[in-house]
C-alpha atoms as a PDB file:
ATOM      1  CA  MET A   1      26.482 237.625 102.984  1.00  0.00           C
ATOM      2  CA  THR A   2      25.900 238.353  99.298  1.00  0.00           C
ATOM      3  CA  ALA A   3      23.373 236.680  97.066  1.00  0.00           C
ATOM      4  CA  PRO A   4      24.790 233.891  94.890  1.00  0.00           C
ATOM      5  CA  THR A   5      25.552 234.575  91.253  1.00  0.00           C
ATOM      6  CA  GLN A   6      23.551 232.848  88.549  1.00  0.00           C
ATOM      7  CA  GLU A   7      26.318 230.269  87.987  1.00  0.00           C
ATOM      8  CA  GLU A   8      26.708 229.582  91.718  1.00  0.00           C
ATOM      9  CA  ALA A   9      22.962 229.186  92.175  1.00  0.00           C
ATOM     10  CA  LEU A  10      22.751 226.762  89.241  1.00  0.00           C
ATOM     11  CA  ALA A  11      25.778 224.767  90.397  1.00  0.00           C
ATOM     12  CA  THR A  12      24.394 224.472  93.926  1.00  0.00           C
ATOM     13  CA  ALA A  13      20.949 223.381  92.726  1.00  0.00           C
ATOM     14  CA  GLN A  14      22.382 220.827  90.304  1.00  0.00           C
ATOM     15  CA  ALA A  15      24.738 219.400  92.946  1.00  0.00           C
ATOM     16  CA  LEU A  16      21.821 219.037  95.349  1.00  0.00           C
ATOM     17  CA  MET A  17      19.703 217.349  92.665  1.00  0.00           C
ATOM     18  CA  ALA A  18      22.542 214.902  91.988  1.00  0.00           C
ATOM     19  CA  ARG A  19      22.762 214.203  95.744  1.00  0.00           C
ATOM     20  CA  LYS A  20      18.994 213.626  95.831  1.00  0.00           C
ATOM     21  CA  ALA A  21      19.217 211.121  92.960  1.00  0.00           C
ATOM     22  CA  ASN A  22      22.119 209.366  94.701  1.00  0.00           C
ATOM     23  CA  LEU A  23      20.185 209.121  97.976  1.00  0.00           C
ATOM     24  CA  GLU A  24      17.130 207.742  96.163  1.00  0.00           C
ATOM     25  CA  SER A  25      19.321 205.139  94.474  1.00  0.00           C
ATOM     26  CA  GLN A  26      20.846 204.082  97.809  1.00  0.00           C
ATOM     27  CA  ILE A  27      17.397 203.831  99.404  1.00  0.00           C
ATOM     28  CA  ALA A  28      16.155 201.681  96.498  1.00  0.00           C
ATOM     29  CA  ASP A  29      19.196 199.393  96.856  1.00  0.00           C
ATOM     30  CA  LEU A  30      18.553 198.945 100.578  1.00  0.00           C
ATOM     31  CA  GLN A  31      14.858 198.284  99.972  1.00  0.00           C
ATOM     32  CA  ASP A  32      15.944 195.537  97.566  1.00  0.00           C
ATOM     33  CA  VAL A  33      18.035 194.062 100.393  1.00  0.00           C
ATOM     34  CA  LEU A  34      14.975 194.048 102.645  1.00  0.00           C
ATOM     35  CA  ALA A  35      12.945 192.416  99.875  1.00  0.00           C
ATOM     36  CA  SER A  36      15.603 189.688  99.547  1.00  0.00           C
ATOM     37  CA  HIS A  37      14.971 188.926 103.248  1.00  0.00           C
ATOM     38  CA  LYS A  38      11.229 188.859 102.501  1.00  0.00           C
ATOM     39  CA  THR A  39      10.596 191.799 104.814  1.00  0.00           C
ATOM     40  CA  ASP A  40      10.111 195.561 104.718  1.00  0.00           C
ATOM     41  CA  LEU A  41      10.349 198.511 107.101  1.00  0.00           C
ATOM     42  CA  THR A  42       7.289 197.484 109.104  1.00  0.00           C
ATOM     43  CA  SER A  43       7.335 193.669 109.053  1.00  0.00           C
ATOM     44  CA  PRO A  44       7.609 192.111 112.501  1.00  0.00           C
ATOM     45  CA  LEU A  45      11.020 190.695 113.386  1.00  0.00           C
ATOM     46  CA  THR A  46       9.617 188.308 115.983  1.00  0.00           C
ATOM     47  CA  ASP A  47       7.290 185.356 115.667  1.00  0.00           C
ATOM     48  CA  SER A  48       3.918 184.985 117.399  1.00  0.00           C
ATOM     49  CA  GLU A  49       5.662 183.798 120.580  1.00  0.00           C
ATOM     50  CA  GLY A  50       7.966 186.827 120.711  1.00  0.00           C
ATOM     51  CA  PHE A  51      11.136 185.060 119.571  1.00  0.00           C
ATOM     52  CA  PRO A  52      13.326 186.405 116.738  1.00  0.00           C
ATOM     53  CA  ARG A  53      12.178 185.047 113.398  1.00  0.00           C
ATOM     54  CA  ALA A  54      14.312 182.129 112.253  1.00  0.00           C
ATOM     55  CA  ASP A  55      13.721 182.777 108.539  1.00  0.00           C
ATOM     56  CA  ILE A  56      15.568 186.118 108.440  1.00  0.00           C
ATOM     57  CA  ASP A  57      18.832 187.620 109.613  1.00  0.00           C
ATOM     58  CA  VAL A  58      17.311 189.942 112.217  1.00  0.00           C
ATOM     59  CA  TYR A  59      20.548 191.868 112.784  1.00  0.00           C
ATOM     60  CA  ALA A  60      21.018 192.540 109.049  1.00  0.00           C
ATOM     61  CA  VAL A  61      17.390 193.606 108.626  1.00  0.00           C
ATOM     62  CA  ARG A  62      17.590 195.988 111.611  1.00  0.00           C
ATOM     63  CA  HIS A  63      20.841 197.437 110.269  1.00  0.00           C
ATOM     64  CA  VAL A  64      19.327 198.004 106.805  1.00  0.00           C
ATOM     65  CA  ARG A  65      16.204 199.576 108.323  1.00  0.00           C
ATOM     66  CA  VAL A  66      18.333 202.032 110.318  1.00  0.00           C
ATOM     67  CA  GLU A  67      20.340 202.923 107.204  1.00  0.00           C
ATOM     68  CA  ILE A  68      17.134 203.534 105.224  1.00  0.00           C
ATOM     69  CA  LEU A  69      15.814 205.821 107.967  1.00  0.00           C
ATOM     70  CA  LYS A  70      19.097 207.773 108.015  1.00  0.00           C
ATOM     71  CA  LEU A  71      19.022 208.120 104.229  1.00  0.00           C
ATOM     72  CA  ARG A  72      15.381 209.226 104.315  1.00  0.00           C
ATOM     73  CA  ASN A  73      16.314 211.937 106.819  1.00  0.00           C
ATOM     74  CA  ASP A  74      19.208 212.999 104.570  1.00  0.00           C
ATOM     75  CA  HIS A  75      16.798 212.996 101.611  1.00  0.00           C
ATOM     76  CA  GLN A  76      14.323 215.212 103.469  1.00  0.00           C
ATOM     77  CA  GLU A  77      17.113 217.642 104.425  1.00  0.00           C
ATOM     78  CA  THR A  78      18.379 217.658 100.831  1.00  0.00           C
ATOM     79  CA  MET A  79      14.868 218.401  99.541  1.00  0.00           C
ATOM     80  CA  GLN A  80      14.663 221.418 101.855  1.00  0.00           C
ATOM     81  CA  LYS A  81      18.043 222.611 100.580  1.00  0.00           C
ATOM     82  CA  ILE A  82      16.863 222.099  96.980  1.00  0.00           C
ATOM     83  CA  GLU A  83      13.812 224.245  97.711  1.00  0.00           C
ATOM     84  CA  SER A  84      16.046 227.030  98.979  1.00  0.00           C
ATOM     85  CA  ALA A  85      18.488 226.607  96.089  1.00  0.00           C
ATOM     86  CA  LEU A  86      15.671 226.761  93.528  1.00  0.00           C
ATOM     87  CA  GLN A  87      14.479 230.011  95.038  1.00  0.00           C
ATOM     88  CA  ASP A  88      18.017 231.359  94.544  1.00  0.00           C
ATOM     89  CA  VAL A  89      18.070 230.058  90.960  1.00  0.00           C
ATOM     90  CA  PHE A  90      14.809 231.747  90.051  1.00  0.00           C
ATOM     91  CA  ARG A  91      15.800 234.912  91.898  1.00  0.00           C
ATOM     92  CA  THR A  92      18.860 235.178  89.617  1.00  0.00           C
ATOM     93  CA  GLY A  93      16.774 234.530  86.502  1.00  0.00           C
ATOM     94  CA  ALA A  94      18.637 231.336  85.612  1.00  0.00           C
ATOM     95  CA  THR A  95      16.975 228.364  83.988  1.00  0.00           C
ATOM     96  CA  LEU A  96      17.512 224.944  85.475  1.00  0.00           C
ATOM     97  CA  ASP A  97      18.082 221.692  83.602  1.00  0.00           C
ATOM     98  CA  PRO A  98      15.088 219.574  84.704  1.00  0.00           C
ATOM     99  CA  LEU A  99      17.165 216.450  84.115  1.00  0.00           C
ATOM    100  CA  ALA A 100      20.077 217.547  86.299  1.00  0.00           C
ATOM    101  CA  GLY A 101      21.161 214.702  88.520  1.00  0.00           C
ATOM    102  CA  LEU A 102      19.661 212.083  86.223  1.00  0.00           C
ATOM    103  CA  VAL A 103      22.095 209.833  84.397  1.00  0.00           C
ATOM    104  CA  ALA A 104      21.408 208.582  80.881  1.00  0.00           C
ATOM    105  CA  PHE A 105      20.956 204.811  80.820  1.00  0.00           C
ATOM    106  CA  ALA A 106      20.676 204.333  77.052  1.00  0.00           C
ATOM    107  CA  LYS A 107      21.856 205.995  73.866  1.00  0.00           C
ATOM    108  CA  ILE A 108      19.752 205.601  70.740  1.00  0.00           C
ATOM    109  CA  GLY A 109      21.800 203.873  68.053  1.00  0.00           C
ATOM    110  CA  GLU A 110      19.277 203.597  65.241  1.00  0.00           C
ATOM    111  CA  VAL A 111      15.699 204.720  64.682  1.00  0.00           C
ATOM    112  CA  LEU A 112      13.923 202.903  61.870  1.00  0.00           C
ATOM    113  CA  ALA A 113      11.807 204.789  59.341  1.00  0.00           C
ATOM    114  CA  ASP A 114       8.031 204.649  59.934  1.00  0.00           C
ATOM    115  CA  SER A 115       8.575 203.233  63.440  1.00  0.00           C
ATOM    116  CA  PRO A 116       6.680 204.468  66.511  1.00  0.00           C
ATOM    117  CA  ALA A 117      10.020 205.728  67.873  1.00  0.00           C
ATOM    118  CA  ARG A 118      10.523 207.889  64.766  1.00  0.00           C
ATOM    119  CA  GLU A 119       6.918 209.112  64.910  1.00  0.00           C
ATOM    120  CA  GLY A 120       7.433 210.074  68.564  1.00  0.00           C
ATOM    121  CA  GLY A 121      10.520 212.109  67.735  1.00  0.00           C
ATOM    122  CA  LEU A 122      13.435 209.920  68.861  1.00  0.00           C
ATOM    123  CA  LEU A 123      16.616 210.474  66.872  1.00  0.00           C
ATOM    124  CA  HIS A 124      19.957 208.708  66.516  1.00  0.00           C
ATOM    125  CA  GLY A 125      22.266 209.855  69.316  1.00  0.00           C
ATOM    126  CA  ASP A 126      19.533 210.818  71.800  1.00  0.00           C
ATOM    127  CA  GLU A 127      20.402 209.883  75.383  1.00  0.00           C
ATOM    128  CA  VAL A 128      17.482 208.421  77.330  1.00  0.00           C
ATOM    129  CA  VAL A 129      17.397 209.736  80.892  1.00  0.00           C
ATOM    130  CA  LYS A 130      13.872 208.719  81.892  1.00  0.00           C
ATOM    131  CA  PHE A 131      11.469 206.360  80.135  1.00  0.00           C
ATOM    132  CA  GLY A 132       8.035 206.592  81.737  1.00  0.00           C
ATOM    133  CA  SER A 133       8.732 205.885  85.402  1.00  0.00           C
ATOM    134  CA  VAL A 134      12.057 204.159  84.686  1.00  0.00           C
ATOM    135  CA  SER A 135      15.341 205.943  85.351  1.00  0.00           C
ATOM    136  CA  LYS A 136      18.829 204.872  86.366  1.00  0.00           C
ATOM    137  CA  SER A 137      18.122 205.902  89.963  1.00  0.00           C
ATOM    138  CA  SER A 138      14.797 204.031  90.150  1.00  0.00           C
ATOM    139  CA  HIS A 139      16.193 200.775  88.681  1.00  0.00           C
ATOM    140  CA  PRO A 140      19.994 200.896  89.127  1.00  0.00           C
ATOM    141  CA  GLN A 141      20.721 197.200  88.464  1.00  0.00           C
ATOM    142  CA  ASN A 142      18.710 196.408  85.346  1.00  0.00           C
ATOM    143  CA  THR A 143      17.306 199.610  83.926  1.00  0.00           C
ATOM    144  CA  LEU A 144      16.859 198.291  80.373  1.00  0.00           C
ATOM    145  CA  ALA A 145      15.024 195.171  81.562  1.00  0.00           C
ATOM    146  CA  SER A 146      12.597 197.423  83.452  1.00  0.00           C
ATOM    147  CA  LEU A 147      11.465 199.080  80.210  1.00  0.00           C
ATOM    148  CA  ALA A 148       9.341 196.070  79.269  1.00  0.00           C
ATOM    149  CA  GLY A 149       6.985 196.808  82.160  1.00  0.00           C
ATOM    150  CA  VAL A 150       6.394 200.354  80.907  1.00  0.00           C
ATOM    151  CA  VAL A 151       5.689 199.632  77.227  1.00  0.00           C
ATOM    152  CA  HIS A 152       2.026 198.877  76.493  1.00  0.00           C
ATOM    153  CA  GLU A 153       0.397 199.055  73.086  1.00  0.00           C
ATOM    154  CA  ASN A 154      -1.331 202.384  72.348  1.00  0.00           C
ATOM    155  CA  ARG A 155      -0.480 203.795  75.803  1.00  0.00           C
ATOM    156  CA  PRO A 156       1.594 207.029  75.585  1.00  0.00           C
ATOM    157  CA  ILE A 157       4.979 207.117  77.347  1.00  0.00           C
ATOM    158  CA  ARG A 158       6.717 210.348  78.357  1.00  0.00           C
ATOM    159  CA  ILE A 159      10.433 210.095  77.675  1.00  0.00           C
ATOM    160  CA  ALA A 160      13.064 212.508  78.973  1.00  0.00           C
ATOM    161  CA  ILE A 161      16.106 212.708  76.705  1.00  0.00           C
ATOM    162  CA  ARG A 162      19.202 214.770  76.172  1.00  0.00           C
ATOM    163  CA  ARG A 163      19.744 215.777  72.573  1.00  0.00           C
ATOM    164  CA  ALA A 164      23.094 217.438  71.897  1.00  0.00           C
ATOM    165  CA  GLY A 165      23.378 218.082  75.645  1.00  0.00           C
ATOM    166  CA  LYS A 166      20.004 219.839  75.901  1.00  0.00           C
ATOM    167  CA  PRO A 167      17.093 218.356  77.869  1.00  0.00           C
ATOM    168  CA  GLN A 168      13.882 217.527  76.017  1.00  0.00           C
ATOM    169  CA  GLU A 169      10.706 215.603  76.678  1.00  0.00           C
ATOM    170  CA  ILE A 170       8.899 213.639  74.012  1.00  0.00           C
ATOM    171  CA  THR A 171       5.856 211.386  74.015  1.00  0.00           C
ATOM    172  CA  LEU A 172       5.996 208.030  72.315  1.00  0.00           C
ATOM    173  CA  ILE A 173       2.958 205.855  71.573  1.00  0.00           C
ATOM    174  CA  PRO A 174       3.943 202.186  71.162  1.00  0.00           C
ATOM    175  CA  HIS A 175       1.923 200.389  68.503  1.00  0.00           C
ATOM    176  CA  LYS A 176       2.144 197.595  65.953  1.00  0.00           C
ATOM    177  CA  TRP A 177       3.898 198.536  62.747  1.00  0.00           C
ATOM    178  CA  SER A 178       5.600 196.733  59.846  1.00  0.00           C
ATOM    179  CA  GLY A 179       8.784 196.121  61.875  1.00  0.00           C
ATOM    180  CA  ARG A 180       9.532 194.170  65.056  1.00  0.00           C
ATOM    181  CA  GLY A 181       8.210 195.163  68.459  1.00  0.00           C
ATOM    182  CA  LEU A 182       6.072 198.120  69.435  1.00  0.00           C
ATOM    183  CA  LEU A 183       8.761 200.823  69.315  1.00  0.00           C
ATOM    184  CA  GLY A 184      11.208 200.247  66.460  1.00  0.00           C
END
């Protein structure tokens, strides 16, 4: 067996990173299902007398729990494969896109002059891939609504963007300015 070429090593690593992001998204979706049943992976499914709880669909909750466990196992296996793939990538001397597998959830349309966004380095056309802890995979249903929980006055936020197809990280510090909001 021959060692992979630089392109093959990169393609394999990026495909595995995309799979990892997909698995994390599926796990988050299923955890939301559990939350809608007001339960989690460890909540008891029986009442104090040992009968199935009447306030939840026990079968659905058990099914979702099993699916989460399967996906977690797949995630762990994928992480091991990523580790091996990254060793191949670095062995070939290739550089890896740190944002591979992450999908942009917003594109910057306008950045106002003198705004905190402009001061932080955001430009028209930048694609936002990660905003603090928020990404498309961590909040698949309402990613933009989740941003409000991350923005706090004078608290720096690390933002991962793609500018002209190239990954970049910038730090934005939300603060009051002459315009609306804390970002601009």
